[in-house]
């Protein structure tokens, strides 16, 4: 069997991991900015840029880690899953 081991670092850089994390970050980050900073924005005062960036960065980090960890665990889970082949019960 010639299988390449998927490390967490490699899984974090997979296009599907990055794309999923970016989509979730855009949606959740926007909602969090509106919830946490909406009153300031409606008053015409913009919050600190670092607060807005951090609000988008946190969901990106959580989503990318969860997707990468799942991608790393899938091959091991599939290899250890019981096989139905030859089972006559």
C-alpha atoms as a PDB file:
ATOM      1  CA  UNK A   1       0.000   0.000   0.000  1.00  0.00           C
ATOM      2  CA  UNK A   2       1.486   3.324  -1.061  1.00  0.00           C
ATOM      3  CA  UNK A   3      -0.284   5.896   1.091  1.00  0.00           C
ATOM      4  CA  UNK A   4       0.962   9.364   1.892  1.00  0.00           C
ATOM      5  CA  UNK A   5       0.430  10.327   5.514  1.00  0.00           C
ATOM      6  CA  UNK A   6      -1.635  13.489   5.781  1.00  0.00           C
ATOM      7  CA  UNK A   7      -0.172  15.686   8.501  1.00  0.00           C
ATOM      8  CA  UNK A   8      -2.076  18.471  10.187  1.00  0.00           C
ATOM      9  CA  UNK A   9       0.150  21.061   8.516  1.00  0.00           C
ATOM     10  CA  UNK A  10      -0.563  19.657   5.058  1.00  0.00           C
ATOM     11  CA  UNK A  11      -4.271  19.337   5.801  1.00  0.00           C
ATOM     12  CA  UNK A  12      -4.408  23.006   6.859  1.00  0.00           C
ATOM     13  CA  UNK A  13      -3.109  23.995   3.408  1.00  0.00           C
ATOM     14  CA  UNK A  14      -5.488  21.834   1.383  1.00  0.00           C
ATOM     15  CA  UNK A  15      -7.567  23.999  -0.972  1.00  0.00           C
ATOM     16  CA  UNK A  16     -10.827  22.546   0.344  1.00  0.00           C
ATOM     17  CA  UNK A  17      -9.802  23.328   3.937  1.00  0.00           C
ATOM     18  CA  UNK A  18      -8.844  26.908   3.094  1.00  0.00           C
ATOM     19  CA  UNK A  19     -12.001  27.449   1.001  1.00  0.00           C
ATOM     20  CA  UNK A  20     -14.334  26.039   3.674  1.00  0.00           C
ATOM     21  CA  UNK A  21     -12.680  28.074   6.434  1.00  0.00           C
ATOM     22  CA  UNK A  22     -12.828  31.260   4.344  1.00  0.00           C
ATOM     23  CA  UNK A  23     -16.555  30.824   3.646  1.00  0.00           C
ATOM     24  CA  UNK A  24     -17.372  30.124   7.296  1.00  0.00           C
ATOM     25  CA  UNK A  25     -15.168  32.997   8.445  1.00  0.00           C
ATOM     26  CA  UNK A  26     -16.870  35.420   6.084  1.00  0.00           C
ATOM     27  CA  UNK A  27     -20.343  34.451   7.273  1.00  0.00           C
ATOM     28  CA  UNK A  28     -19.688  34.038  10.999  1.00  0.00           C
ATOM     29  CA  UNK A  29     -17.214  36.931  11.169  1.00  0.00           C
ATOM     30  CA  UNK A  30     -19.720  39.294   9.575  1.00  0.00           C
ATOM     31  CA  UNK A  31     -22.440  38.217  11.985  1.00  0.00           C
ATOM     32  CA  UNK A  32     -20.101  38.666  14.959  1.00  0.00           C
ATOM     33  CA  UNK A  33     -18.996  42.114  13.791  1.00  0.00           C
ATOM     34  CA  UNK A  34     -22.644  43.155  13.481  1.00  0.00           C
ATOM     35  CA  UNK A  35     -23.496  41.735  16.910  1.00  0.00           C
ATOM     36  CA  UNK A  36     -20.444  43.052  18.754  1.00  0.00           C
ATOM     37  CA  UNK A  37     -19.715  46.302  16.907  1.00  0.00           C
ATOM     38  CA  UNK A  38     -23.050  47.080  15.236  1.00  0.00           C
ATOM     39  CA  UNK A  39     -23.991  49.875  17.595  1.00  0.00           C
ATOM     40  CA  UNK A  40     -20.708  51.679  16.916  1.00  0.00           C
ATOM     41  CA  UNK A  41     -21.002  51.207  13.169  1.00  0.00           C
ATOM     42  CA  UNK A  42     -24.590  52.514  13.166  1.00  0.00           C
ATOM     43  CA  UNK A  43     -23.423  55.527  15.187  1.00  0.00           C
ATOM     44  CA  UNK A  44     -20.854  56.261  12.485  1.00  0.00           C
ATOM     45  CA  UNK A  45     -17.840  55.277  14.583  1.00  0.00           C
ATOM     46  CA  UNK A  46     -15.656  52.522  13.175  1.00  0.00           C
ATOM     47  CA  UNK A  47     -14.178  50.106  15.698  1.00  0.00           C
ATOM     48  CA  UNK A  48     -10.465  49.340  15.737  1.00  0.00           C
ATOM     49  CA  UNK A  49      -9.268  47.457  12.679  1.00  0.00           C
ATOM     50  CA  UNK A  50      -7.574  44.819  14.846  1.00  0.00           C
ATOM     51  CA  UNK A  51     -10.915  43.981  16.491  1.00  0.00           C
ATOM     52  CA  UNK A  52     -12.570  43.450  13.121  1.00  0.00           C
ATOM     53  CA  UNK A  53      -9.669  41.362  11.792  1.00  0.00           C
ATOM     54  CA  UNK A  54      -9.613  39.238  14.930  1.00  0.00           C
ATOM     55  CA  UNK A  55     -13.365  38.709  14.642  1.00  0.00           C
ATOM     56  CA  UNK A  56     -12.787  37.125  11.210  1.00  0.00           C
ATOM     57  CA  UNK A  57      -9.577  35.311  12.170  1.00  0.00           C
ATOM     58  CA  UNK A  58     -11.065  33.330  15.064  1.00  0.00           C
ATOM     59  CA  UNK A  59     -13.766  31.505  13.043  1.00  0.00           C
ATOM     60  CA  UNK A  60     -11.207  30.913  10.278  1.00  0.00           C
ATOM     61  CA  UNK A  61      -8.820  29.268  12.743  1.00  0.00           C
ATOM     62  CA  UNK A  62     -11.483  27.135  14.389  1.00  0.00           C
ATOM     63  CA  UNK A  63     -12.941  25.948  11.086  1.00  0.00           C
ATOM     64  CA  UNK A  64      -9.600  25.241   9.435  1.00  0.00           C
ATOM     65  CA  UNK A  65      -8.369  23.294  12.474  1.00  0.00           C
ATOM     66  CA  UNK A  66     -11.570  21.229  12.664  1.00  0.00           C
ATOM     67  CA  UNK A  67     -11.510  20.462   8.935  1.00  0.00           C
ATOM     68  CA  UNK A  68      -7.797  19.582   8.964  1.00  0.00           C
ATOM     69  CA  UNK A  69      -8.075  17.392  12.062  1.00  0.00           C
ATOM     70  CA  UNK A  70     -11.016  15.562  10.510  1.00  0.00           C
ATOM     71  CA  UNK A  71      -9.117  15.086   7.250  1.00  0.00           C
ATOM     72  CA  UNK A  72      -6.181  13.603   9.197  1.00  0.00           C
ATOM     73  CA  UNK A  73      -8.443  11.274  11.189  1.00  0.00           C
ATOM     74  CA  UNK A  74     -10.435   9.939   8.221  1.00  0.00           C
ATOM     75  CA  UNK A  75      -7.782   7.599   6.780  1.00  0.00           C
ATOM     76  CA  UNK A  76      -7.144   6.076  10.222  1.00  0.00           C
ATOM     77  CA  UNK A  77     -10.859   5.703  10.901  1.00  0.00           C
ATOM     78  CA  UNK A  78     -11.447   4.057   7.525  1.00  0.00           C
ATOM     79  CA  UNK A  79      -8.522   1.674   8.034  1.00  0.00           C
ATOM     80  CA  UNK A  80      -9.712   0.550  11.469  1.00  0.00           C
ATOM     81  CA  UNK A  81     -13.402   0.258  10.551  1.00  0.00           C
ATOM     82  CA  UNK A  82     -14.687  -3.309  10.461  1.00  0.00           C
ATOM     83  CA  UNK A  83     -15.191  -4.680   6.994  1.00  0.00           C
ATOM     84  CA  UNK A  84     -18.500  -6.170   5.873  1.00  0.00           C
ATOM     85  CA  UNK A  85     -16.772  -8.320   3.264  1.00  0.00           C
ATOM     86  CA  UNK A  86     -17.023 -12.015   4.000  1.00  0.00           C
ATOM     87  CA  UNK A  87     -19.440 -11.488   6.866  1.00  0.00           C
ATOM     88  CA  UNK A  88     -22.249 -14.015   6.466  1.00  0.00           C
ATOM     89  CA  UNK A  89     -24.251 -13.227   9.579  1.00  0.00           C
END
